[in-house]
């Protein structure tokens, strides 16, 4: 089978499409023939630019040579302990090695794919969907009628955040560039701020939740537009690890001295949340936004495009 593998840290050129052995499912795993995958910022760890990250991924070279996390495809075989799936089922979820023709995730890492969704749409969901859902619901405690601002609303996570916030009954303000104004409006945003024309931290409005995918304003500036009990969520930002760690530390310290909360979080894979996302997709309350499609051998190009920072929604890898 073909798969993207990485034997050393470096630029996207270190990602190679090679023939490797087809995996065999363990007792609690399902063998999936991959139809599509999608690209996330976490798929850039092969660069190995931070030694803090290397402590988890491998000091000298990646511990896991396979790449990719978001996956959608068809079950080909199941382990003897698997009860939820059978060969032929269409599924989506998360699995290390999604950039390949086959993967073997745990039974708890995937759910049935809604019939109306294509494999490409389903593959666009997991990591970005988890981040938006868990951030707004679990960390933000979102409630109907609250005012929510989403900075970076046209990106992979942002497009899900706009729709999920609306599904909770919030009043959503989306921040994006001029070319994406119509897109975020079509996703349900009540108000749109074009950051090339206006600084959202000086708009005079206050918010209950700021969901920040960009982190391009100071915490003090963001604090000015938070309600007294408001919550600021650090969801993303520049790839510079030193900048991110400094911002997270400042957020932690600031939360200790003010009534607002400044929170950094990392989403976790939860089957229950995959099922919630599946229901939102099936009901039409959430629709994945796909910017570009690449083939398996073009994964390095897909990563380069992600790093440009201008993707509208998700970047998808069509595998088979």
C-alpha atoms as a PDB file:
ATOM      1  CA  UNK A   1       0.000   0.000   0.000  1.00  0.00           C
ATOM      2  CA  UNK A   2       1.046   3.609  -0.528  1.00  0.00           C
ATOM      3  CA  UNK A   3       1.476   5.987   2.408  1.00  0.00           C
ATOM      4  CA  UNK A   4       3.193   9.231   3.333  1.00  0.00           C
ATOM      5  CA  UNK A   5       6.166   8.497   5.577  1.00  0.00           C
ATOM      6  CA  UNK A   6       8.738  10.672   7.314  1.00  0.00           C
ATOM      7  CA  UNK A   7      12.109   9.383   8.576  1.00  0.00           C
ATOM      8  CA  UNK A   8      13.710  12.676   9.598  1.00  0.00           C
ATOM      9  CA  UNK A   9      12.733  16.198  10.597  1.00  0.00           C
ATOM     10  CA  UNK A  10      12.829  18.945   8.009  1.00  0.00           C
ATOM     11  CA  UNK A  11      10.827  20.840   5.365  1.00  0.00           C
ATOM     12  CA  UNK A  12       7.868  19.282   3.484  1.00  0.00           C
ATOM     13  CA  UNK A  13      10.326  17.587   1.135  1.00  0.00           C
ATOM     14  CA  UNK A  14      11.073  15.018   3.879  1.00  0.00           C
ATOM     15  CA  UNK A  15       7.559  13.621   3.389  1.00  0.00           C
ATOM     16  CA  UNK A  16       7.751  10.703   0.957  1.00  0.00           C
ATOM     17  CA  UNK A  17       5.017   8.657  -0.693  1.00  0.00           C
ATOM     18  CA  UNK A  18       6.255   5.068  -0.455  1.00  0.00           C
ATOM     19  CA  UNK A  19       5.054   1.472  -0.560  1.00  0.00           C
ATOM     20  CA  UNK A  20       4.775  -0.005   2.943  1.00  0.00           C
ATOM     21  CA  UNK A  21       3.113  -3.055   4.473  1.00  0.00           C
ATOM     22  CA  UNK A  22      -0.643  -3.017   4.782  1.00  0.00           C
ATOM     23  CA  UNK A  23      -1.600  -2.888   8.484  1.00  0.00           C
ATOM     24  CA  UNK A  24      -3.411  -5.728  10.235  1.00  0.00           C
ATOM     25  CA  UNK A  25      -6.125  -4.750  12.754  1.00  0.00           C
ATOM     26  CA  UNK A  26      -5.705  -5.700  16.397  1.00  0.00           C
ATOM     27  CA  UNK A  27      -8.653  -7.153  18.324  1.00  0.00           C
ATOM     28  CA  UNK A  28     -10.168  -3.724  19.074  1.00  0.00           C
ATOM     29  CA  UNK A  29      -9.304  -2.096  15.730  1.00  0.00           C
ATOM     30  CA  UNK A  30     -10.915  -1.681  12.329  1.00  0.00           C
ATOM     31  CA  UNK A  31      -9.065  -1.818   9.014  1.00  0.00           C
ATOM     32  CA  UNK A  32     -10.170   1.157   6.917  1.00  0.00           C
ATOM     33  CA  UNK A  33      -9.614   1.632   3.212  1.00  0.00           C
ATOM     34  CA  UNK A  34      -8.990   5.377   3.202  1.00  0.00           C
ATOM     35  CA  UNK A  35     -11.014   7.487   0.783  1.00  0.00           C
ATOM     36  CA  UNK A  36      -9.949  10.909   2.040  1.00  0.00           C
ATOM     37  CA  UNK A  37      -7.961  12.672   4.738  1.00  0.00           C
ATOM     38  CA  UNK A  38      -7.452  16.321   5.655  1.00  0.00           C
ATOM     39  CA  UNK A  39      -4.593  18.545   6.771  1.00  0.00           C
ATOM     40  CA  UNK A  40      -4.259  20.205  10.192  1.00  0.00           C
ATOM     41  CA  UNK A  41      -1.588  22.412  11.792  1.00  0.00           C
ATOM     42  CA  UNK A  42      -0.641  19.417  13.978  1.00  0.00           C
ATOM     43  CA  UNK A  43       0.430  17.622  10.801  1.00  0.00           C
ATOM     44  CA  UNK A  44       3.410  19.990  10.635  1.00  0.00           C
ATOM     45  CA  UNK A  45       5.250  18.377  13.553  1.00  0.00           C
ATOM     46  CA  UNK A  46       7.584  16.678  11.054  1.00  0.00           C
ATOM     47  CA  UNK A  47       9.413  20.011  10.845  1.00  0.00           C
ATOM     48  CA  UNK A  48      10.774  19.388  14.346  1.00  0.00           C
ATOM     49  CA  UNK A  49      11.529  23.059  14.915  1.00  0.00           C
ATOM     50  CA  UNK A  50      10.826  22.886  18.654  1.00  0.00           C
ATOM     51  CA  UNK A  51      12.828  20.660  20.991  1.00  0.00           C
ATOM     52  CA  UNK A  52       9.914  20.815  23.420  1.00  0.00           C
ATOM     53  CA  UNK A  53       7.760  19.089  20.796  1.00  0.00           C
ATOM     54  CA  UNK A  54      10.565  16.654  19.956  1.00  0.00           C
ATOM     55  CA  UNK A  55      10.479  15.411  23.530  1.00  0.00           C
ATOM     56  CA  UNK A  56       7.068  13.961  22.631  1.00  0.00           C
ATOM     57  CA  UNK A  57       7.566  13.075  18.961  1.00  0.00           C
ATOM     58  CA  UNK A  58      11.185  11.846  19.056  1.00  0.00           C
ATOM     59  CA  UNK A  59      14.409  13.741  19.763  1.00  0.00           C
ATOM     60  CA  UNK A  60      16.459  12.818  16.688  1.00  0.00           C
ATOM     61  CA  UNK A  61      13.782  11.549  14.334  1.00  0.00           C
ATOM     62  CA  UNK A  62       9.997  10.994  14.423  1.00  0.00           C
ATOM     63  CA  UNK A  63       8.899   8.021  16.530  1.00  0.00           C
ATOM     64  CA  UNK A  64       5.960   7.449  14.206  1.00  0.00           C
ATOM     65  CA  UNK A  65       6.942   7.571  10.551  1.00  0.00           C
ATOM     66  CA  UNK A  66       3.344   7.747   9.264  1.00  0.00           C
ATOM     67  CA  UNK A  67       1.592  11.098   8.970  1.00  0.00           C
ATOM     68  CA  UNK A  68      -1.952  12.498   9.061  1.00  0.00           C
ATOM     69  CA  UNK A  69      -4.840  12.290  11.536  1.00  0.00           C
ATOM     70  CA  UNK A  70      -8.259  13.060   9.983  1.00  0.00           C
ATOM     71  CA  UNK A  71      -9.661  10.139   8.013  1.00  0.00           C
ATOM     72  CA  UNK A  72     -12.755   8.927   6.192  1.00  0.00           C
ATOM     73  CA  UNK A  73     -13.200   5.660   4.339  1.00  0.00           C
ATOM     74  CA  UNK A  74     -14.738   2.210   4.245  1.00  0.00           C
ATOM     75  CA  UNK A  75     -14.308  -0.591   6.760  1.00  0.00           C
ATOM     76  CA  UNK A  76     -12.577  -3.547   5.104  1.00  0.00           C
ATOM     77  CA  UNK A  77     -12.069  -5.803   8.133  1.00  0.00           C
ATOM     78  CA  UNK A  78     -12.626  -5.720  11.906  1.00  0.00           C
ATOM     79  CA  UNK A  79     -10.812  -7.164  14.932  1.00  0.00           C
ATOM     80  CA  UNK A  80     -12.501  -9.974  16.829  1.00  0.00           C
ATOM     81  CA  UNK A  81     -13.551  -7.673  19.712  1.00  0.00           C
ATOM     82  CA  UNK A  82     -15.181  -5.041  17.475  1.00  0.00           C
ATOM     83  CA  UNK A  83     -18.978  -4.848  17.790  1.00  0.00           C
ATOM     84  CA  UNK A  84     -19.945  -1.462  16.343  1.00  0.00           C
ATOM     85  CA  UNK A  85     -18.798  -1.916  12.734  1.00  0.00           C
ATOM     86  CA  UNK A  86     -18.792  -4.442   9.915  1.00  0.00           C
ATOM     87  CA  UNK A  87     -17.031  -4.617   6.550  1.00  0.00           C
ATOM     88  CA  UNK A  88     -18.560  -2.177   4.086  1.00  0.00           C
ATOM     89  CA  UNK A  89     -19.484   0.509   6.643  1.00  0.00           C
ATOM     90  CA  UNK A  90     -18.584   4.080   5.745  1.00  0.00           C
ATOM     91  CA  UNK A  91     -16.817   5.732   8.691  1.00  0.00           C
ATOM     92  CA  UNK A  92     -14.874   8.842   9.665  1.00  0.00           C
ATOM     93  CA  UNK A  93     -12.760   9.870  12.620  1.00  0.00           C
ATOM     94  CA  UNK A  94      -9.137  10.128  13.693  1.00  0.00           C
ATOM     95  CA  UNK A  95      -6.220   7.796  13.072  1.00  0.00           C
ATOM     96  CA  UNK A  96      -2.475   8.326  13.027  1.00  0.00           C
ATOM     97  CA  UNK A  97      -1.286   7.598   9.498  1.00  0.00           C
ATOM     98  CA  UNK A  98      -4.360   8.958   7.720  1.00  0.00           C
ATOM     99  CA  UNK A  99      -2.168   9.958   4.765  1.00  0.00           C
ATOM    100  CA  UNK A 100      -2.163   6.435   3.384  1.00  0.00           C
ATOM    101  CA  UNK A 101      -4.325   3.871   1.608  1.00  0.00           C
ATOM    102  CA  UNK A 102      -5.123   1.932   4.805  1.00  0.00           C
ATOM    103  CA  UNK A 103      -5.221   2.657   8.553  1.00  0.00           C
ATOM    104  CA  UNK A 104      -6.149   0.661  11.656  1.00  0.00           C
ATOM    105  CA  UNK A 105      -7.729   2.963  14.255  1.00  0.00           C
ATOM    106  CA  UNK A 106      -9.359   1.847  17.487  1.00  0.00           C
ATOM    107  CA  UNK A 107     -13.070   1.131  17.290  1.00  0.00           C
ATOM    108  CA  UNK A 108     -13.605   4.131  19.585  1.00  0.00           C
ATOM    109  CA  UNK A 109     -11.805   6.512  17.223  1.00  0.00           C
ATOM    110  CA  UNK A 110     -14.357   6.411  14.390  1.00  0.00           C
ATOM    111  CA  UNK A 111     -18.113   6.624  13.875  1.00  0.00           C
ATOM    112  CA  UNK A 112     -20.474   5.897  11.004  1.00  0.00           C
ATOM    113  CA  UNK A 113     -20.377   8.504   8.249  1.00  0.00           C
ATOM    114  CA  UNK A 114     -23.693  10.279   7.525  1.00  0.00           C
ATOM    115  CA  UNK A 115     -24.946   8.929   4.199  1.00  0.00           C
ATOM    116  CA  UNK A 116     -25.385  12.389   2.659  1.00  0.00           C
ATOM    117  CA  UNK A 117     -21.768  13.356   3.337  1.00  0.00           C
ATOM    118  CA  UNK A 118     -18.981  12.626   0.891  1.00  0.00           C
ATOM    119  CA  UNK A 119     -15.780  11.070   2.211  1.00  0.00           C
ATOM    120  CA  UNK A 120     -13.977  14.353   1.528  1.00  0.00           C
ATOM    121  CA  UNK A 121     -16.485  16.305   3.612  1.00  0.00           C
ATOM    122  CA  UNK A 122     -16.324  13.780   6.451  1.00  0.00           C
ATOM    123  CA  UNK A 123     -12.512  13.773   6.465  1.00  0.00           C
ATOM    124  CA  UNK A 124     -12.535  17.550   6.911  1.00  0.00           C
ATOM    125  CA  UNK A 125     -14.318  17.307  10.259  1.00  0.00           C
ATOM    126  CA  UNK A 126     -12.528  15.536  13.156  1.00  0.00           C
ATOM    127  CA  UNK A 127      -9.663  17.672  14.537  1.00  0.00           C
ATOM    128  CA  UNK A 128     -11.138  21.048  13.532  1.00  0.00           C
ATOM    129  CA  UNK A 129     -14.604  19.982  14.662  1.00  0.00           C
ATOM    130  CA  UNK A 130     -13.327  18.739  18.042  1.00  0.00           C
ATOM    131  CA  UNK A 131     -11.462  21.987  18.575  1.00  0.00           C
ATOM    132  CA  UNK A 132     -14.474  24.181  17.851  1.00  0.00           C
ATOM    133  CA  UNK A 133     -16.954  22.045  19.799  1.00  0.00           C
ATOM    134  CA  UNK A 134     -14.842  21.416  22.891  1.00  0.00           C
ATOM    135  CA  UNK A 135     -13.561  24.977  22.992  1.00  0.00           C
ATOM    136  CA  UNK A 136     -16.954  26.642  22.823  1.00  0.00           C
ATOM    137  CA  UNK A 137     -18.916  24.105  24.868  1.00  0.00           C
ATOM    138  CA  UNK A 138     -16.452  22.812  27.467  1.00  0.00           C
ATOM    139  CA  UNK A 139     -14.042  25.709  27.957  1.00  0.00           C
ATOM    140  CA  UNK A 140     -16.289  28.595  26.944  1.00  0.00           C
ATOM    141  CA  UNK A 141     -19.516  27.276  28.496  1.00  0.00           C
ATOM    142  CA  UNK A 142     -21.435  28.776  25.581  1.00  0.00           C
ATOM    143  CA  UNK A 143     -25.098  29.638  26.218  1.00  0.00           C
ATOM    144  CA  UNK A 144     -27.981  30.783  23.984  1.00  0.00           C
ATOM    145  CA  UNK A 145     -27.994  34.536  23.437  1.00  0.00           C
ATOM    146  CA  UNK A 146     -24.347  35.067  24.338  1.00  0.00           C
ATOM    147  CA  UNK A 147     -22.195  37.295  22.159  1.00  0.00           C
ATOM    148  CA  UNK A 148     -19.304  35.306  20.645  1.00  0.00           C
ATOM    149  CA  UNK A 149     -16.465  36.704  18.548  1.00  0.00           C
ATOM    150  CA  UNK A 150     -14.476  34.323  16.354  1.00  0.00           C
ATOM    151  CA  UNK A 151     -11.133  35.665  15.140  1.00  0.00           C
ATOM    152  CA  UNK A 152      -9.969  33.713  12.094  1.00  0.00           C
ATOM    153  CA  UNK A 153     -13.506  32.702  11.159  1.00  0.00           C
ATOM    154  CA  UNK A 154     -12.696  31.582   7.613  1.00  0.00           C
ATOM    155  CA  UNK A 155     -10.025  29.031   8.526  1.00  0.00           C
ATOM    156  CA  UNK A 156     -10.321  25.300   9.162  1.00  0.00           C
ATOM    157  CA  UNK A 157     -11.348  25.627  12.815  1.00  0.00           C
ATOM    158  CA  UNK A 158     -13.025  29.001  12.413  1.00  0.00           C
ATOM    159  CA  UNK A 159     -15.584  27.824   9.845  1.00  0.00           C
ATOM    160  CA  UNK A 160     -16.690  25.093  12.248  1.00  0.00           C
ATOM    161  CA  UNK A 161     -16.695  27.484  15.208  1.00  0.00           C
ATOM    162  CA  UNK A 162     -19.081  29.904  13.456  1.00  0.00           C
ATOM    163  CA  UNK A 163     -21.579  27.142  12.711  1.00  0.00           C
ATOM    164  CA  UNK A 164     -21.296  25.371  16.066  1.00  0.00           C
ATOM    165  CA  UNK A 165     -21.698  28.656  17.971  1.00  0.00           C
ATOM    166  CA  UNK A 166     -24.861  29.337  15.961  1.00  0.00           C
ATOM    167  CA  UNK A 167     -26.150  25.834  16.725  1.00  0.00           C
ATOM    168  CA  UNK A 168     -25.917  26.746  20.442  1.00  0.00           C
ATOM    169  CA  UNK A 169     -28.005  29.864  19.827  1.00  0.00           C
ATOM    170  CA  UNK A 170     -25.215  32.427  20.197  1.00  0.00           C
ATOM    171  CA  UNK A 171     -24.951  35.789  18.456  1.00  0.00           C
ATOM    172  CA  UNK A 172     -21.819  35.403  16.358  1.00  0.00           C
ATOM    173  CA  UNK A 173     -19.391  38.052  15.148  1.00  0.00           C
ATOM    174  CA  UNK A 174     -16.854  36.705  12.657  1.00  0.00           C
ATOM    175  CA  UNK A 175     -13.502  38.333  11.879  1.00  0.00           C
ATOM    176  CA  UNK A 176     -11.930  37.637   8.481  1.00  0.00           C
ATOM    177  CA  UNK A 177     -10.404  39.283   5.410  1.00  0.00           C
ATOM    178  CA  UNK A 178     -12.357  41.018   2.648  1.00  0.00           C
ATOM    179  CA  UNK A 179     -12.406  38.021   0.299  1.00  0.00           C
ATOM    180  CA  UNK A 180     -13.977  35.799   2.987  1.00  0.00           C
ATOM    181  CA  UNK A 181     -16.784  38.092   4.164  1.00  0.00           C
ATOM    182  CA  UNK A 182     -19.441  36.423   2.006  1.00  0.00           C
ATOM    183  CA  UNK A 183     -18.237  32.965   3.021  1.00  0.00           C
ATOM    184  CA  UNK A 184     -18.592  33.513   6.776  1.00  0.00           C
ATOM    185  CA  UNK A 185     -21.956  35.229   6.281  1.00  0.00           C
ATOM    186  CA  UNK A 186     -23.146  32.135   4.407  1.00  0.00           C
ATOM    187  CA  UNK A 187     -22.145  30.036   7.438  1.00  0.00           C
ATOM    188  CA  UNK A 188     -24.542  31.994   9.645  1.00  0.00           C
ATOM    189  CA  UNK A 189     -22.448  34.761  11.191  1.00  0.00           C
ATOM    190  CA  UNK A 190     -24.691  37.572  12.474  1.00  0.00           C
ATOM    191  CA  UNK A 191     -21.982  40.211  12.085  1.00  0.00           C
ATOM    192  CA  UNK A 192     -18.761  40.245  10.079  1.00  0.00           C
ATOM    193  CA  UNK A 193     -15.711  42.421  10.720  1.00  0.00           C
ATOM    194  CA  UNK A 194     -13.245  42.812   7.855  1.00  0.00           C
ATOM    195  CA  UNK A 195      -9.909  43.078   9.655  1.00  0.00           C
ATOM    196  CA  UNK A 196      -8.370  44.940   6.700  1.00  0.00           C
ATOM    197  CA  UNK A 197     -10.854  47.750   7.348  1.00  0.00           C
ATOM    198  CA  UNK A 198     -11.459  47.622  11.106  1.00  0.00           C
ATOM    199  CA  UNK A 199      -9.696  46.511  14.285  1.00  0.00           C
ATOM    200  CA  UNK A 200     -12.151  44.341  16.221  1.00  0.00           C
ATOM    201  CA  UNK A 201     -10.537  45.311  19.541  1.00  0.00           C
ATOM    202  CA  UNK A 202     -11.615  48.932  18.920  1.00  0.00           C
ATOM    203  CA  UNK A 203     -15.142  48.327  17.685  1.00  0.00           C
ATOM    204  CA  UNK A 204     -16.772  49.306  21.000  1.00  0.00           C
ATOM    205  CA  UNK A 205     -18.662  45.994  21.387  1.00  0.00           C
ATOM    206  CA  UNK A 206     -18.189  43.573  24.280  1.00  0.00           C
ATOM    207  CA  UNK A 207     -18.319  39.794  24.088  1.00  0.00           C
ATOM    208  CA  UNK A 208     -18.956  36.867  26.393  1.00  0.00           C
ATOM    209  CA  UNK A 209     -16.528  34.622  24.503  1.00  0.00           C
ATOM    210  CA  UNK A 210     -13.616  35.384  22.207  1.00  0.00           C
ATOM    211  CA  UNK A 211     -12.565  32.309  20.238  1.00  0.00           C
ATOM    212  CA  UNK A 212      -9.162  33.279  18.849  1.00  0.00           C
ATOM    213  CA  UNK A 213      -7.680  31.159  16.060  1.00  0.00           C
ATOM    214  CA  UNK A 214      -5.084  33.799  15.112  1.00  0.00           C
ATOM    215  CA  UNK A 215      -3.668  35.376  18.311  1.00  0.00           C
ATOM    216  CA  UNK A 216      -2.639  38.526  16.469  1.00  0.00           C
ATOM    217  CA  UNK A 217      -3.723  41.030  19.134  1.00  0.00           C
ATOM    218  CA  UNK A 218      -2.378  41.606  22.621  1.00  0.00           C
ATOM    219  CA  UNK A 219      -4.213  40.049  25.551  1.00  0.00           C
ATOM    220  CA  UNK A 220      -4.778  43.492  27.053  1.00  0.00           C
ATOM    221  CA  UNK A 221      -6.467  44.646  23.835  1.00  0.00           C
ATOM    222  CA  UNK A 222      -8.707  41.574  23.820  1.00  0.00           C
ATOM    223  CA  UNK A 223      -9.505  42.058  27.494  1.00  0.00           C
ATOM    224  CA  UNK A 224     -10.991  45.494  26.722  1.00  0.00           C
ATOM    225  CA  UNK A 225     -13.774  43.917  24.669  1.00  0.00           C
ATOM    226  CA  UNK A 226     -14.545  41.049  27.043  1.00  0.00           C
ATOM    227  CA  UNK A 227     -17.459  41.271  29.456  1.00  0.00           C
ATOM    228  CA  UNK A 228     -16.442  41.240  33.155  1.00  0.00           C
ATOM    229  CA  UNK A 229     -16.993  37.473  33.323  1.00  0.00           C
ATOM    230  CA  UNK A 230     -15.990  36.856  29.722  1.00  0.00           C
ATOM    231  CA  UNK A 231     -13.776  34.026  28.472  1.00  0.00           C
ATOM    232  CA  UNK A 232     -10.934  34.333  25.992  1.00  0.00           C
ATOM    233  CA  UNK A 233      -9.909  31.065  24.301  1.00  0.00           C
ATOM    234  CA  UNK A 234      -6.479  30.664  22.717  1.00  0.00           C
ATOM    235  CA  UNK A 235      -7.177  28.196  19.927  1.00  0.00           C
ATOM    236  CA  UNK A 236      -4.322  28.855  17.534  1.00  0.00           C
ATOM    237  CA  UNK A 237      -1.661  31.304  16.502  1.00  0.00           C
ATOM    238  CA  UNK A 238       1.744  31.624  14.850  1.00  0.00           C
ATOM    239  CA  UNK A 239       3.799  28.431  14.586  1.00  0.00           C
ATOM    240  CA  UNK A 240       6.542  30.047  16.682  1.00  0.00           C
ATOM    241  CA  UNK A 241       6.568  27.873  19.816  1.00  0.00           C
ATOM    242  CA  UNK A 242       8.294  30.510  21.952  1.00  0.00           C
ATOM    243  CA  UNK A 243       5.561  33.043  21.078  1.00  0.00           C
ATOM    244  CA  UNK A 244       2.812  30.535  21.877  1.00  0.00           C
ATOM    245  CA  UNK A 245       4.318  29.502  25.216  1.00  0.00           C
ATOM    246  CA  UNK A 246       4.805  33.144  26.199  1.00  0.00           C
ATOM    247  CA  UNK A 247       1.186  33.926  25.318  1.00  0.00           C
ATOM    248  CA  UNK A 248      -0.104  30.921  27.250  1.00  0.00           C
ATOM    249  CA  UNK A 249       1.938  31.923  30.320  1.00  0.00           C
ATOM    250  CA  UNK A 250       0.673  35.509  30.115  1.00  0.00           C
ATOM    251  CA  UNK A 251      -2.893  34.221  29.799  1.00  0.00           C
ATOM    252  CA  UNK A 252      -2.475  32.029  32.887  1.00  0.00           C
ATOM    253  CA  UNK A 253      -1.058  34.894  34.937  1.00  0.00           C
ATOM    254  CA  UNK A 254      -3.659  37.394  33.731  1.00  0.00           C
ATOM    255  CA  UNK A 255      -6.507  35.041  34.708  1.00  0.00           C
ATOM    256  CA  UNK A 256      -5.203  35.072  38.266  1.00  0.00           C
ATOM    257  CA  UNK A 257      -5.686  38.833  38.633  1.00  0.00           C
ATOM    258  CA  UNK A 258      -8.837  39.696  36.669  1.00  0.00           C
ATOM    259  CA  UNK A 259     -12.449  38.548  36.615  1.00  0.00           C
ATOM    260  CA  UNK A 260     -12.200  37.296  33.027  1.00  0.00           C
ATOM    261  CA  UNK A 261     -10.696  33.933  32.084  1.00  0.00           C
ATOM    262  CA  UNK A 262      -7.903  33.485  29.530  1.00  0.00           C
ATOM    263  CA  UNK A 263      -7.614  29.833  28.528  1.00  0.00           C
ATOM    264  CA  UNK A 264      -5.389  27.790  26.239  1.00  0.00           C
ATOM    265  CA  UNK A 265      -6.586  24.298  25.411  1.00  0.00           C
ATOM    266  CA  UNK A 266      -5.872  21.339  23.147  1.00  0.00           C
ATOM    267  CA  UNK A 267      -8.795  19.293  21.858  1.00  0.00           C
ATOM    268  CA  UNK A 268      -9.062  15.580  22.684  1.00  0.00           C
ATOM    269  CA  UNK A 269     -10.410  12.693  20.653  1.00  0.00           C
ATOM    270  CA  UNK A 270     -13.762  11.622  22.129  1.00  0.00           C
ATOM    271  CA  UNK A 271     -16.095   9.189  20.420  1.00  0.00           C
ATOM    272  CA  UNK A 272     -19.074  10.910  22.065  1.00  0.00           C
ATOM    273  CA  UNK A 273     -18.078  14.203  20.453  1.00  0.00           C
ATOM    274  CA  UNK A 274     -17.596  12.522  17.080  1.00  0.00           C
ATOM    275  CA  UNK A 275     -21.197  11.346  17.376  1.00  0.00           C
ATOM    276  CA  UNK A 276     -22.357  14.870  18.260  1.00  0.00           C
ATOM    277  CA  UNK A 277     -20.513  16.269  15.241  1.00  0.00           C
ATOM    278  CA  UNK A 278     -22.050  13.558  13.074  1.00  0.00           C
ATOM    279  CA  UNK A 279     -25.548  14.598  14.202  1.00  0.00           C
ATOM    280  CA  UNK A 280     -24.791  18.263  13.496  1.00  0.00           C
ATOM    281  CA  UNK A 281     -23.618  17.310  10.019  1.00  0.00           C
ATOM    282  CA  UNK A 282     -26.638  15.092   9.395  1.00  0.00           C
ATOM    283  CA  UNK A 283     -29.044  17.826  10.480  1.00  0.00           C
ATOM    284  CA  UNK A 284     -27.410  20.384   8.201  1.00  0.00           C
ATOM    285  CA  UNK A 285     -26.476  22.671  11.094  1.00  0.00           C
ATOM    286  CA  UNK A 286     -22.812  22.213  10.214  1.00  0.00           C
ATOM    287  CA  UNK A 287     -21.376  21.913   6.704  1.00  0.00           C
ATOM    288  CA  UNK A 288     -17.642  21.402   6.113  1.00  0.00           C
ATOM    289  CA  UNK A 289     -15.952  24.044   3.988  1.00  0.00           C
ATOM    290  CA  UNK A 290     -13.308  22.651   1.617  1.00  0.00           C
ATOM    291  CA  UNK A 291     -10.794  24.954  -0.001  1.00  0.00           C
ATOM    292  CA  UNK A 292      -8.464  22.725  -2.036  1.00  0.00           C
ATOM    293  CA  UNK A 293      -8.020  19.050  -2.807  1.00  0.00           C
ATOM    294  CA  UNK A 294      -4.702  17.260  -3.278  1.00  0.00           C
ATOM    295  CA  UNK A 295      -3.741  13.687  -4.103  1.00  0.00           C
ATOM    296  CA  UNK A 296      -1.740  11.490  -1.735  1.00  0.00           C
ATOM    297  CA  UNK A 297       1.542  12.163  -3.527  1.00  0.00           C
ATOM    298  CA  UNK A 298       0.840  15.911  -3.277  1.00  0.00           C
ATOM    299  CA  UNK A 299       0.728  16.016   0.546  1.00  0.00           C
ATOM    300  CA  UNK A 300       3.932  18.156   0.708  1.00  0.00           C
ATOM    301  CA  UNK A 301       2.211  20.748  -1.525  1.00  0.00           C
ATOM    302  CA  UNK A 302      -0.877  20.643   0.709  1.00  0.00           C
ATOM    303  CA  UNK A 303       1.292  21.319   3.776  1.00  0.00           C
ATOM    304  CA  UNK A 304       2.987  24.256   2.024  1.00  0.00           C
ATOM    305  CA  UNK A 305      -0.411  25.740   1.187  1.00  0.00           C
ATOM    306  CA  UNK A 306      -1.538  25.312   4.813  1.00  0.00           C
ATOM    307  CA  UNK A 307       1.571  27.155   5.978  1.00  0.00           C
ATOM    308  CA  UNK A 308       0.737  30.140   3.774  1.00  0.00           C
ATOM    309  CA  UNK A 309      -2.120  30.818   6.213  1.00  0.00           C
ATOM    310  CA  UNK A 310      -4.773  31.722   3.638  1.00  0.00           C
ATOM    311  CA  UNK A 311      -6.813  28.523   3.383  1.00  0.00           C
ATOM    312  CA  UNK A 312     -10.588  28.995   3.407  1.00  0.00           C
ATOM    313  CA  UNK A 313     -11.862  26.089   5.455  1.00  0.00           C
ATOM    314  CA  UNK A 314     -10.117  22.738   5.132  1.00  0.00           C
ATOM    315  CA  UNK A 315      -7.495  21.257   2.810  1.00  0.00           C
ATOM    316  CA  UNK A 316      -8.406  17.723   1.794  1.00  0.00           C
ATOM    317  CA  UNK A 317      -6.306  14.793   0.590  1.00  0.00           C
ATOM    318  CA  UNK A 318      -8.158  12.503  -1.829  1.00  0.00           C
ATOM    319  CA  UNK A 319      -6.663   9.062  -1.354  1.00  0.00           C
ATOM    320  CA  UNK A 320      -8.751   6.681  -3.432  1.00  0.00           C
END
